[in-house]
Amino acid sequence: MREQLQHLLELSASRDMRILVLPADAPCHGGHSGPLRVLTSLQNTPLVEVEHASGSELLSDDRAVTRLQAVFGDLQIWALPPAASHALTSEALGELR
């Protein structure tokens, strides 16, 4: 677990990645069904990659992408800001040492 938290802290230092922590008391949300990534293709087409028990799937259907973009937006709203997320991750790492 220590290595994972350290890796997240290193990723959060990058300009290409933003790590946001979702508090345990966040409302029930669509993110509980598994990880998702909102992507944009080279042709500027929005895509969403979803993970599930048997693998992952890249979705391009407009309705599915729009729905999952809304889920992602909700998660961003409920998440801690980047500085607070970094601080909480650092604190959790410190508790494991």
PDB file of N, CA and C in Angstrom:
ATOM      1  N   MET A   1       0.823  -1.189   0.000  1.00  0.00           N
ATOM      2  CA  MET A   1       0.000   0.000   0.000  1.00  0.00           C
ATOM      3  C   MET A   1       0.868   1.254   0.000  1.00  0.00           C
ATOM      4  N   ARG A   2       1.998   1.189   0.736  1.00  0.00           N
ATOM      5  CA  ARG A   2       2.881   2.357   0.777  1.00  0.00           C
ATOM      6  C   ARG A   2       3.367   2.734  -0.613  1.00  0.00           C
ATOM      7  N   GLU A   3       3.750   1.712  -1.386  1.00  0.00           N
ATOM      8  CA  GLU A   3       4.256   1.966  -2.737  1.00  0.00           C
ATOM      9  C   GLU A   3       3.180   2.588  -3.619  1.00  0.00           C
ATOM     10  N   GLN A   4       1.948   2.141  -3.465  1.00  0.00           N
ATOM     11  CA  GLN A   4       0.843   2.690  -4.263  1.00  0.00           C
ATOM     12  C   GLN A   4       0.602   4.161  -3.925  1.00  0.00           C
ATOM     13  N   LEU A   5       0.583   4.479  -2.640  1.00  0.00           N
ATOM     14  CA  LEU A   5       0.368   5.867  -2.224  1.00  0.00           C
ATOM     15  C   LEU A   5       1.527   6.754  -2.685  1.00  0.00           C
ATOM     16  N   GLN A   6       2.753   6.244  -2.571  1.00  0.00           N
ATOM     17  CA  GLN A   6       3.911   7.012  -3.037  1.00  0.00           C
ATOM     18  C   GLN A   6       3.810   7.266  -4.532  1.00  0.00           C
ATOM     19  N   HIS A   7       3.381   6.260  -5.273  1.00  0.00           N
ATOM     20  CA  HIS A   7       3.220   6.406  -6.729  1.00  0.00           C
ATOM     21  C   HIS A   7       2.161   7.464  -7.046  1.00  0.00           C
ATOM     22  N   LEU A   8       1.059   7.462  -6.331  1.00  0.00           N
ATOM     23  CA  LEU A   8       0.024   8.481  -6.545  1.00  0.00           C
ATOM     24  C   LEU A   8       0.559   9.878  -6.268  1.00  0.00           C
ATOM     25  N   LEU A   9       1.355  10.017  -5.220  1.00  0.00           N
ATOM     26  CA  LEU A   9       1.945  11.326  -4.910  1.00  0.00           C
ATOM     27  C   LEU A   9       2.885  11.778  -6.017  1.00  0.00           C
ATOM     28  N   GLU A  10       3.649  10.847  -6.557  1.00  0.00           N
ATOM     29  CA  GLU A  10       4.549  11.185  -7.661  1.00  0.00           C
ATOM     30  C   GLU A  10       3.749  11.581  -8.904  1.00  0.00           C
ATOM     31  N   LEU A  11       2.686  10.859  -9.193  1.00  0.00           N
ATOM     32  CA  LEU A  11       1.843  11.194 -10.346  1.00  0.00           C
ATOM     33  C   LEU A  11       1.200  12.567 -10.175  1.00  0.00           C
ATOM     34  N   SER A  12       0.807  12.886  -8.947  1.00  0.00           N
ATOM     35  CA  SER A  12       0.122  14.155  -8.707  1.00  0.00           C
ATOM     36  C   SER A  12       1.051  15.350  -8.903  1.00  0.00           C
ATOM     37  N   ALA A  13       2.361  15.116  -8.891  1.00  0.00           N
ATOM     38  CA  ALA A  13       3.321  16.196  -9.123  1.00  0.00           C
ATOM     39  C   ALA A  13       3.429  16.536 -10.608  1.00  0.00           C
ATOM     40  N   SER A  14       2.917  15.680 -11.458  1.00  0.00           N
ATOM     41  CA  SER A  14       2.966  15.887 -12.905  1.00  0.00           C
ATOM     42  C   SER A  14       1.895  16.879 -13.349  1.00  0.00           C
ATOM     43  N   ARG A  15       2.192  17.643 -14.361  1.00  0.00           N
ATOM     44  CA  ARG A  15       1.188  18.556 -14.929  1.00  0.00           C
ATOM     45  C   ARG A  15       0.156  17.801 -15.766  1.00  0.00           C
ATOM     46  N   ASP A  16       0.500  16.563 -16.137  1.00  0.00           N
ATOM     47  CA  ASP A  16      -0.376  15.772 -17.005  1.00  0.00           C
ATOM     48  C   ASP A  16      -1.425  14.979 -16.240  1.00  0.00           C
ATOM     49  N   MET A  17      -1.308  14.943 -14.935  1.00  0.00           N
ATOM     50  CA  MET A  17      -2.185  14.099 -14.134  1.00  0.00           C
ATOM     51  C   MET A  17      -2.669  14.877 -12.931  1.00  0.00           C
ATOM     52  N   ARG A  18      -3.937  14.685 -12.598  1.00  0.00           N
ATOM     53  CA  ARG A  18      -4.506  15.300 -11.399  1.00  0.00           C
ATOM     54  C   ARG A  18      -5.153  14.195 -10.587  1.00  0.00           C
ATOM     55  N   ILE A  19      -4.698  14.036  -9.371  1.00  0.00           N
ATOM     56  CA  ILE A  19      -5.236  13.016  -8.470  1.00  0.00           C
ATOM     57  C   ILE A  19      -6.175  13.718  -7.492  1.00  0.00           C
ATOM     58  N   LEU A  20      -7.435  13.280  -7.471  1.00  0.00           N
ATOM     59  CA  LEU A  20      -8.427  13.832  -6.554  1.00  0.00           C
ATOM     60  C   LEU A  20      -8.967  12.705  -5.691  1.00  0.00           C
ATOM     61  N   VAL A  21      -9.032  12.946  -4.388  1.00  0.00           N
ATOM     62  CA  VAL A  21      -9.534  11.951  -3.442  1.00  0.00           C
ATOM     63  C   VAL A  21     -11.010  12.221  -3.192  1.00  0.00           C
ATOM     64  N   LEU A  22     -11.791  11.180  -3.291  1.00  0.00           N
ATOM     65  CA  LEU A  22     -13.218  11.274  -3.013  1.00  0.00           C
ATOM     66  C   LEU A  22     -13.439  10.895  -1.550  1.00  0.00           C
ATOM     67  N   PRO A  23     -13.965  11.798  -0.723  1.00  0.00           N
ATOM     68  CA  PRO A  23     -14.164  11.491   0.699  1.00  0.00           C
ATOM     69  C   PRO A  23     -15.122  10.314   0.897  1.00  0.00           C
ATOM     70  N   ALA A  24     -14.908   9.602   1.976  1.00  0.00           N
ATOM     71  CA  ALA A  24     -15.755   8.438   2.275  1.00  0.00           C
ATOM     72  C   ALA A  24     -17.212   8.827   2.473  1.00  0.00           C
ATOM     73  N   ASP A  25     -17.480  10.078   2.874  1.00  0.00           N
ATOM     74  CA  ASP A  25     -18.860  10.496   3.110  1.00  0.00           C
ATOM     75  C   ASP A  25     -19.521  11.117   1.873  1.00  0.00           C
ATOM     76  N   ALA A  26     -18.899  10.951   0.690  1.00  0.00           N
ATOM     77  CA  ALA A  26     -19.512  11.458  -0.547  1.00  0.00           C
ATOM     78  C   ALA A  26     -20.816  10.692  -0.802  1.00  0.00           C
ATOM     79  N   PRO A  27     -21.781  11.346  -1.448  1.00  0.00           N
ATOM     80  CA  PRO A  27     -23.047  10.663  -1.718  1.00  0.00           C
ATOM     81  C   PRO A  27     -22.846   9.435  -2.609  1.00  0.00           C
ATOM     82  N   CYS A  28     -23.797   8.544  -2.580  1.00  0.00           N
ATOM     83  CA  CYS A  28     -23.779   7.377  -3.465  1.00  0.00           C
ATOM     84  C   CYS A  28     -23.728   7.889  -4.905  1.00  0.00           C
ATOM     85  N   HIS A  29     -22.887   7.290  -5.734  1.00  0.00           N
ATOM     86  CA  HIS A  29     -22.682   7.809  -7.086  1.00  0.00           C
ATOM     87  C   HIS A  29     -22.405   6.686  -8.075  1.00  0.00           C
ATOM     88  N   GLY A  30     -22.470   7.010  -9.346  1.00  0.00           N
ATOM     89  CA  GLY A  30     -22.246   6.048 -10.418  1.00  0.00           C
ATOM     90  C   GLY A  30     -20.836   5.512 -10.479  1.00  0.00           C
ATOM     91  N   GLY A  31     -19.892   6.159  -9.809  1.00  0.00           N
ATOM     92  CA  GLY A  31     -18.516   5.691  -9.788  1.00  0.00           C
ATOM     93  C   GLY A  31     -18.328   4.417  -8.986  1.00  0.00           C
ATOM     94  N   HIS A  32     -19.327   4.038  -8.197  1.00  0.00           N
ATOM     95  CA  HIS A  32     -19.228   2.812  -7.398  1.00  0.00           C
ATOM     96  C   HIS A  32     -19.197   1.569  -8.273  1.00  0.00           C
ATOM     97  N   SER A  33     -19.618   1.681  -9.530  1.00  0.00           N
ATOM     98  CA  SER A  33     -19.666   0.503 -10.390  1.00  0.00           C
ATOM     99  C   SER A  33     -18.301   0.134 -10.940  1.00  0.00           C
ATOM    100  N   GLY A  34     -17.298   1.000 -10.778  1.00  0.00           N
ATOM    101  CA  GLY A  34     -15.945   0.667 -11.219  1.00  0.00           C
ATOM    102  C   GLY A  34     -15.233   1.860 -11.818  1.00  0.00           C
ATOM    103  N   PRO A  35     -13.941   1.689 -12.055  1.00  0.00           N
ATOM    104  CA  PRO A  35     -13.141   2.782 -12.607  1.00  0.00           C
ATOM    105  C   PRO A  35     -13.594   3.197 -14.010  1.00  0.00           C
ATOM    106  N   LEU A  36     -13.436   4.479 -14.298  1.00  0.00           N
ATOM    107  CA  LEU A  36     -13.715   4.981 -15.641  1.00  0.00           C
ATOM    108  C   LEU A  36     -12.738   6.094 -15.971  1.00  0.00           C
ATOM    109  N   ARG A  37     -12.440   6.215 -17.241  1.00  0.00           N
ATOM    110  CA  ARG A  37     -11.561   7.268 -17.729  1.00  0.00           C
ATOM    111  C   ARG A  37     -12.242   7.980 -18.877  1.00  0.00           C
ATOM    112  N   VAL A  38     -12.300   9.297 -18.791  1.00  0.00           N
ATOM    113  CA  VAL A  38     -12.859  10.116 -19.868  1.00  0.00           C
ATOM    114  C   VAL A  38     -11.699  10.503 -20.778  1.00  0.00           C
ATOM    115  N   LEU A  39     -11.825  10.188 -22.053  1.00  0.00           N
ATOM    116  CA  LEU A  39     -10.751  10.396 -23.025  1.00  0.00           C
ATOM    117  C   LEU A  39     -11.252  11.221 -24.201  1.00  0.00           C
ATOM    118  N   THR A  40     -10.323  11.764 -24.960  1.00  0.00           N
ATOM    119  CA  THR A  40     -10.646  12.424 -26.219  1.00  0.00           C
ATOM    120  C   THR A  40      -9.733  11.844 -27.283  1.00  0.00           C
ATOM    121  N   SER A  41     -10.305  11.368 -28.377  1.00  0.00           N
ATOM    122  CA  SER A  41      -9.501  10.770 -29.446  1.00  0.00           C
ATOM    123  C   SER A  41      -8.753  11.853 -30.217  1.00  0.00           C
ATOM    124  N   LEU A  42      -7.855  11.423 -31.088  1.00  0.00           N
ATOM    125  CA  LEU A  42      -7.123  12.375 -31.930  1.00  0.00           C
ATOM    126  C   LEU A  42      -8.057  13.167 -32.835  1.00  0.00           C
ATOM    127  N   GLN A  43      -9.236  12.620 -33.100  1.00  0.00           N
ATOM    128  CA  GLN A  43     -10.241  13.302 -33.918  1.00  0.00           C
ATOM    129  C   GLN A  43     -11.193  14.134 -33.069  1.00  0.00           C
ATOM    130  N   ASN A  44     -10.837  14.359 -31.803  1.00  0.00           N
ATOM    131  CA  ASN A  44     -11.657  15.125 -30.851  1.00  0.00           C
ATOM    132  C   ASN A  44     -12.977  14.449 -30.505  1.00  0.00           C
ATOM    133  N   THR A  45     -13.045  13.148 -30.674  1.00  0.00           N
ATOM    134  CA  THR A  45     -14.244  12.392 -30.324  1.00  0.00           C
ATOM    135  C   THR A  45     -14.163  11.991 -28.848  1.00  0.00           C
ATOM    136  N   PRO A  46     -15.181  12.340 -28.062  1.00  0.00           N
ATOM    137  CA  PRO A  46     -15.153  11.927 -26.650  1.00  0.00           C
ATOM    138  C   PRO A  46     -15.382  10.421 -26.525  1.00  0.00           C
ATOM    139  N   LEU A  47     -14.611   9.800 -25.654  1.00  0.00           N
ATOM    140  CA  LEU A  47     -14.699   8.366 -25.389  1.00  0.00           C
ATOM    141  C   LEU A  47     -14.649   8.157 -23.882  1.00  0.00           C
ATOM    142  N   VAL A  48     -15.150   7.023 -23.440  1.00  0.00           N
ATOM    143  CA  VAL A  48     -15.027   6.657 -22.026  1.00  0.00           C
ATOM    144  C   VAL A  48     -14.599   5.203 -21.965  1.00  0.00           C
ATOM    145  N   GLU A  49     -13.545   4.947 -21.190  1.00  0.00           N
ATOM    146  CA  GLU A  49     -13.119   3.579 -20.932  1.00  0.00           C
ATOM    147  C   GLU A  49     -13.639   3.187 -19.557  1.00  0.00           C
ATOM    148  N   VAL A  50     -14.348   2.078 -19.491  1.00  0.00           N
ATOM    149  CA  VAL A  50     -14.880   1.584 -18.223  1.00  0.00           C
ATOM    150  C   VAL A  50     -14.256   0.227 -17.928  1.00  0.00           C
ATOM    151  N   GLU A  51     -14.001  -0.025 -16.657  1.00  0.00           N
ATOM    152  CA  GLU A  51     -13.470  -1.313 -16.232  1.00  0.00           C
ATOM    153  C   GLU A  51     -14.569  -2.086 -15.520  1.00  0.00           C
ATOM    154  N   HIS A  52     -14.529  -3.401 -15.685  1.00  0.00           N
ATOM    155  CA  HIS A  52     -15.483  -4.278 -15.009  1.00  0.00           C
ATOM    156  C   HIS A  52     -14.787  -5.584 -14.674  1.00  0.00           C
ATOM    157  N   ALA A  53     -15.498  -6.506 -14.070  1.00  0.00           N
ATOM    158  CA  ALA A  53     -14.896  -7.729 -13.548  1.00  0.00           C
ATOM    159  C   ALA A  53     -14.178  -8.552 -14.616  1.00  0.00           C
ATOM    160  N   SER A  54     -14.609  -8.480 -15.854  1.00  0.00           N
ATOM    161  CA  SER A  54     -13.980  -9.309 -16.885  1.00  0.00           C
ATOM    162  C   SER A  54     -13.077  -8.519 -17.829  1.00  0.00           C
ATOM    163  N   GLY A  55     -12.755  -7.286 -17.495  1.00  0.00           N
ATOM    164  CA  GLY A  55     -11.843  -6.511 -18.335  1.00  0.00           C
ATOM    165  C   GLY A  55     -12.238  -5.053 -18.410  1.00  0.00           C
ATOM    166  N   SER A  56     -12.077  -4.480 -19.594  1.00  0.00           N
ATOM    167  CA  SER A  56     -12.454  -3.088 -19.803  1.00  0.00           C
ATOM    168  C   SER A  56     -13.083  -2.936 -21.180  1.00  0.00           C
ATOM    169  N   GLU A  57     -13.721  -1.801 -21.370  1.00  0.00           N
ATOM    170  CA  GLU A  57     -14.453  -1.548 -22.615  1.00  0.00           C
ATOM    171  C   GLU A  57     -14.321  -0.066 -22.959  1.00  0.00           C
ATOM    172  N   LEU A  58     -14.096   0.224 -24.221  1.00  0.00           N
ATOM    173  CA  LEU A  58     -14.021   1.598 -24.694  1.00  0.00           C
ATOM    174  C   LEU A  58     -15.360   1.953 -25.331  1.00  0.00           C
ATOM    175  N   LEU A  59     -16.037   2.949 -24.757  1.00  0.00           N
ATOM    176  CA  LEU A  59     -17.373   3.330 -25.222  1.00  0.00           C
ATOM    177  C   LEU A  59     -17.304   4.600 -26.056  1.00  0.00           C
ATOM    178  N   SER A  60     -18.042   4.595 -27.171  1.00  0.00           N
ATOM    179  CA  SER A  60     -18.110   5.778 -28.025  1.00  0.00           C
ATOM    180  C   SER A  60     -19.552   6.195 -28.300  1.00  0.00           C
ATOM    181  N   ASP A  61     -20.508   5.384 -27.872  1.00  0.00           N
ATOM    182  CA  ASP A  61     -21.925   5.703 -28.050  1.00  0.00           C
ATOM    183  C   ASP A  61     -22.234   7.030 -27.361  1.00  0.00           C
ATOM    184  N   ASP A  62     -22.819   7.961 -28.093  1.00  0.00           N
ATOM    185  CA  ASP A  62     -23.058   9.316 -27.575  1.00  0.00           C
ATOM    186  C   ASP A  62     -23.813   9.319 -26.248  1.00  0.00           C
ATOM    187  N   ARG A  63     -24.868   8.510 -26.141  1.00  0.00           N
ATOM    188  CA  ARG A  63     -25.669   8.510 -24.915  1.00  0.00           C
ATOM    189  C   ARG A  63     -24.863   7.996 -23.728  1.00  0.00           C
ATOM    190  N   ALA A  64     -24.123   6.900 -23.936  1.00  0.00           N
ATOM    191  CA  ALA A  64     -23.320   6.327 -22.856  1.00  0.00           C
ATOM    192  C   ALA A  64     -22.213   7.290 -22.444  1.00  0.00           C
ATOM    193  N   VAL A  65     -21.542   7.889 -23.424  1.00  0.00           N
ATOM    194  CA  VAL A  65     -20.456   8.822 -23.131  1.00  0.00           C
ATOM    195  C   VAL A  65     -20.990  10.032 -22.367  1.00  0.00           C
ATOM    196  N   THR A  66     -22.106  10.583 -22.790  1.00  0.00           N
ATOM    197  CA  THR A  66     -22.698  11.748 -22.120  1.00  0.00           C
ATOM    198  C   THR A  66     -23.065  11.409 -20.676  1.00  0.00           C
ATOM    199  N   ARG A  67     -23.661  10.244 -20.470  1.00  0.00           N
ATOM    200  CA  ARG A  67     -24.057   9.822 -19.118  1.00  0.00           C
ATOM    201  C   ARG A  67     -22.826   9.659 -18.226  1.00  0.00           C
ATOM    202  N   LEU A  68     -21.778   9.020 -18.755  1.00  0.00           N
ATOM    203  CA  LEU A  68     -20.586   8.784 -17.948  1.00  0.00           C
ATOM    204  C   LEU A  68     -19.761  10.055 -17.752  1.00  0.00           C
ATOM    205  N   GLN A  69     -19.818  10.980 -18.689  1.00  0.00           N
ATOM    206  CA  GLN A  69     -19.182  12.281 -18.476  1.00  0.00           C
ATOM    207  C   GLN A  69     -19.867  13.011 -17.317  1.00  0.00           C
ATOM    208  N   ALA A  70     -21.187  12.861 -17.205  1.00  0.00           N
ATOM    209  CA  ALA A  70     -21.924  13.473 -16.092  1.00  0.00           C
ATOM    210  C   ALA A  70     -21.517  12.821 -14.769  1.00  0.00           C
ATOM    211  N   VAL A  71     -21.366  11.502 -14.751  1.00  0.00           N
ATOM    212  CA  VAL A  71     -20.903  10.804 -13.548  1.00  0.00           C
ATOM    213  C   VAL A  71     -19.523  11.328 -13.160  1.00  0.00           C
ATOM    214  N   PHE A  72     -18.629  11.439 -14.145  1.00  0.00           N
ATOM    215  CA  PHE A  72     -17.285  11.938 -13.893  1.00  0.00           C
ATOM    216  C   PHE A  72     -17.331  13.364 -13.344  1.00  0.00           C
ATOM    217  N   GLY A  73     -18.199  14.196 -13.893  1.00  0.00           N
ATOM    218  CA  GLY A  73     -18.359  15.563 -13.410  1.00  0.00           C
ATOM    219  C   GLY A  73     -18.808  15.599 -11.961  1.00  0.00           C
ATOM    220  N   ASP A  74     -19.758  14.728 -11.613  1.00  0.00           N
ATOM    221  CA  ASP A  74     -20.213  14.647 -10.218  1.00  0.00           C
ATOM    222  C   ASP A  74     -19.071  14.243  -9.293  1.00  0.00           C
ATOM    223  N   LEU A  75     -18.267  13.277  -9.721  1.00  0.00           N
ATOM    224  CA  LEU A  75     -17.136  12.835  -8.902  1.00  0.00           C
ATOM    225  C   LEU A  75     -16.154  13.972  -8.671  1.00  0.00           C
ATOM    226  N   GLN A  76     -15.923  14.782  -9.700  1.00  0.00           N
ATOM    227  CA  GLN A  76     -15.015  15.921  -9.553  1.00  0.00           C
ATOM    228  C   GLN A  76     -15.567  16.953  -8.576  1.00  0.00           C
ATOM    229  N   ILE A  77     -16.869  17.151  -8.599  1.00  0.00           N
ATOM    230  CA  ILE A  77     -17.507  18.109  -7.682  1.00  0.00           C
ATOM    231  C   ILE A  77     -17.365  17.652  -6.236  1.00  0.00           C
ATOM    232  N   TRP A  78     -17.566  16.360  -5.985  1.00  0.00           N
ATOM    233  CA  TRP A  78     -17.545  15.835  -4.624  1.00  0.00           C
ATOM    234  C   TRP A  78     -16.126  15.593  -4.111  1.00  0.00           C
ATOM    235  N   ALA A  79     -15.137  15.532  -4.999  1.00  0.00           N
ATOM    236  CA  ALA A  79     -13.763  15.235  -4.594  1.00  0.00           C
ATOM    237  C   ALA A  79     -13.129  16.412  -3.865  1.00  0.00           C
ATOM    238  N   LEU A  80     -12.133  16.098  -3.069  1.00  0.00           N
ATOM    239  CA  LEU A  80     -11.335  17.130  -2.424  1.00  0.00           C
ATOM    240  C   LEU A  80     -10.524  17.872  -3.483  1.00  0.00           C
ATOM    241  N   PRO A  81     -10.209  19.141  -3.270  1.00  0.00           N
ATOM    242  CA  PRO A  81      -9.350  19.862  -4.212  1.00  0.00           C
ATOM    243  C   PRO A  81      -7.967  19.194  -4.286  1.00  0.00           C
ATOM    244  N   PRO A  82      -7.201  19.473  -5.338  1.00  0.00           N
ATOM    245  CA  PRO A  82      -5.897  18.818  -5.502  1.00  0.00           C
ATOM    246  C   PRO A  82      -4.975  18.944  -4.286  1.00  0.00           C
ATOM    247  N   ALA A  83      -4.852  20.121  -3.710  1.00  0.00           N
ATOM    248  CA  ALA A  83      -3.939  20.298  -2.560  1.00  0.00           C
ATOM    249  C   ALA A  83      -4.406  19.463  -1.363  1.00  0.00           C
ATOM    250  N   ALA A  84      -5.700  19.450  -1.100  1.00  0.00           N
ATOM    251  CA  ALA A  84      -6.232  18.667   0.022  1.00  0.00           C
ATOM    252  C   ALA A  84      -6.110  17.171  -0.259  1.00  0.00           C
ATOM    253  N   SER A  85      -6.301  16.773  -1.506  1.00  0.00           N
ATOM    254  CA  SER A  85      -6.139  15.363  -1.886  1.00  0.00           C
ATOM    255  C   SER A  85      -4.696  14.925  -1.679  1.00  0.00           C
ATOM    256  N   HIS A  86      -3.759  15.782  -2.081  1.00  0.00           N
ATOM    257  CA  HIS A  86      -2.335  15.480  -1.903  1.00  0.00           C
ATOM    258  C   HIS A  86      -2.002  15.375  -0.414  1.00  0.00           C
ATOM    259  N   ALA A  87      -2.505  16.296   0.373  1.00  0.00           N
ATOM    260  CA  ALA A  87      -2.244  16.290   1.813  1.00  0.00           C
ATOM    261  C   ALA A  87      -2.803  15.030   2.478  1.00  0.00           C
ATOM    262  N   LEU A  88      -4.009  14.634   2.102  1.00  0.00           N
ATOM    263  CA  LEU A  88      -4.620  13.443   2.690  1.00  0.00           C
ATOM    264  C   LEU A  88      -3.851  12.186   2.293  1.00  0.00           C
ATOM    265  N   THR A  89      -3.420  12.123   1.037  1.00  0.00           N
ATOM    266  CA  THR A  89      -2.629  10.976   0.577  1.00  0.00           C
ATOM    267  C   THR A  89      -1.297  10.930   1.313  1.00  0.00           C
ATOM    268  N   SER A  90      -0.661  12.090   1.496  1.00  0.00           N
ATOM    269  CA  SER A  90       0.603  12.153   2.245  1.00  0.00           C
ATOM    270  C   SER A  90       0.399  11.716   3.689  1.00  0.00           C
ATOM    271  N   GLU A  91      -0.693  12.148   4.285  1.00  0.00           N
ATOM    272  CA  GLU A  91      -1.004  11.768   5.664  1.00  0.00           C
ATOM    273  C   GLU A  91      -1.196  10.256   5.773  1.00  0.00           C
ATOM    274  N   ALA A  92      -1.931   9.678   4.839  1.00  0.00           N
ATOM    275  CA  ALA A  92      -2.154   8.235   4.849  1.00  0.00           C
ATOM    276  C   ALA A  92      -0.836   7.479   4.682  1.00  0.00           C
ATOM    277  N   LEU A  93       0.044   7.993   3.818  1.00  0.00           N
ATOM    278  CA  LEU A  93       1.351   7.386   3.633  1.00  0.00           C
ATOM    279  C   LEU A  93       2.164   7.454   4.923  1.00  0.00           C
ATOM    280  N   GLY A  94       2.125   8.602   5.589  1.00  0.00           N
ATOM    281  CA  GLY A  94       2.850   8.778   6.847  1.00  0.00           C
ATOM    282  C   GLY A  94       2.376   7.823   7.923  1.00  0.00           C
ATOM    283  N   GLU A  95       1.091   7.531   7.943  1.00  0.00           N
ATOM    284  CA  GLU A  95       0.537   6.619   8.944  1.00  0.00           C
ATOM    285  C   GLU A  95       0.989   5.172   8.712  1.00  0.00           C
ATOM    286  N   LEU A  96       1.388   4.865   7.477  1.00  0.00           N
ATOM    287  CA  LEU A  96       1.824   3.503   7.150  1.00  0.00           C
ATOM    288  C   LEU A  96       3.319   3.279   7.418  1.00  0.00           C
ATOM    289  N   ARG A  97       4.049   4.353   7.660  1.00  0.00           N
ATOM    290  CA  ARG A  97       5.502   4.229   7.876  1.00  0.00           C
ATOM    291  C   ARG A  97       5.826   3.854   9.282  1.00  0.00           C
TER     292      ARG A  97
END
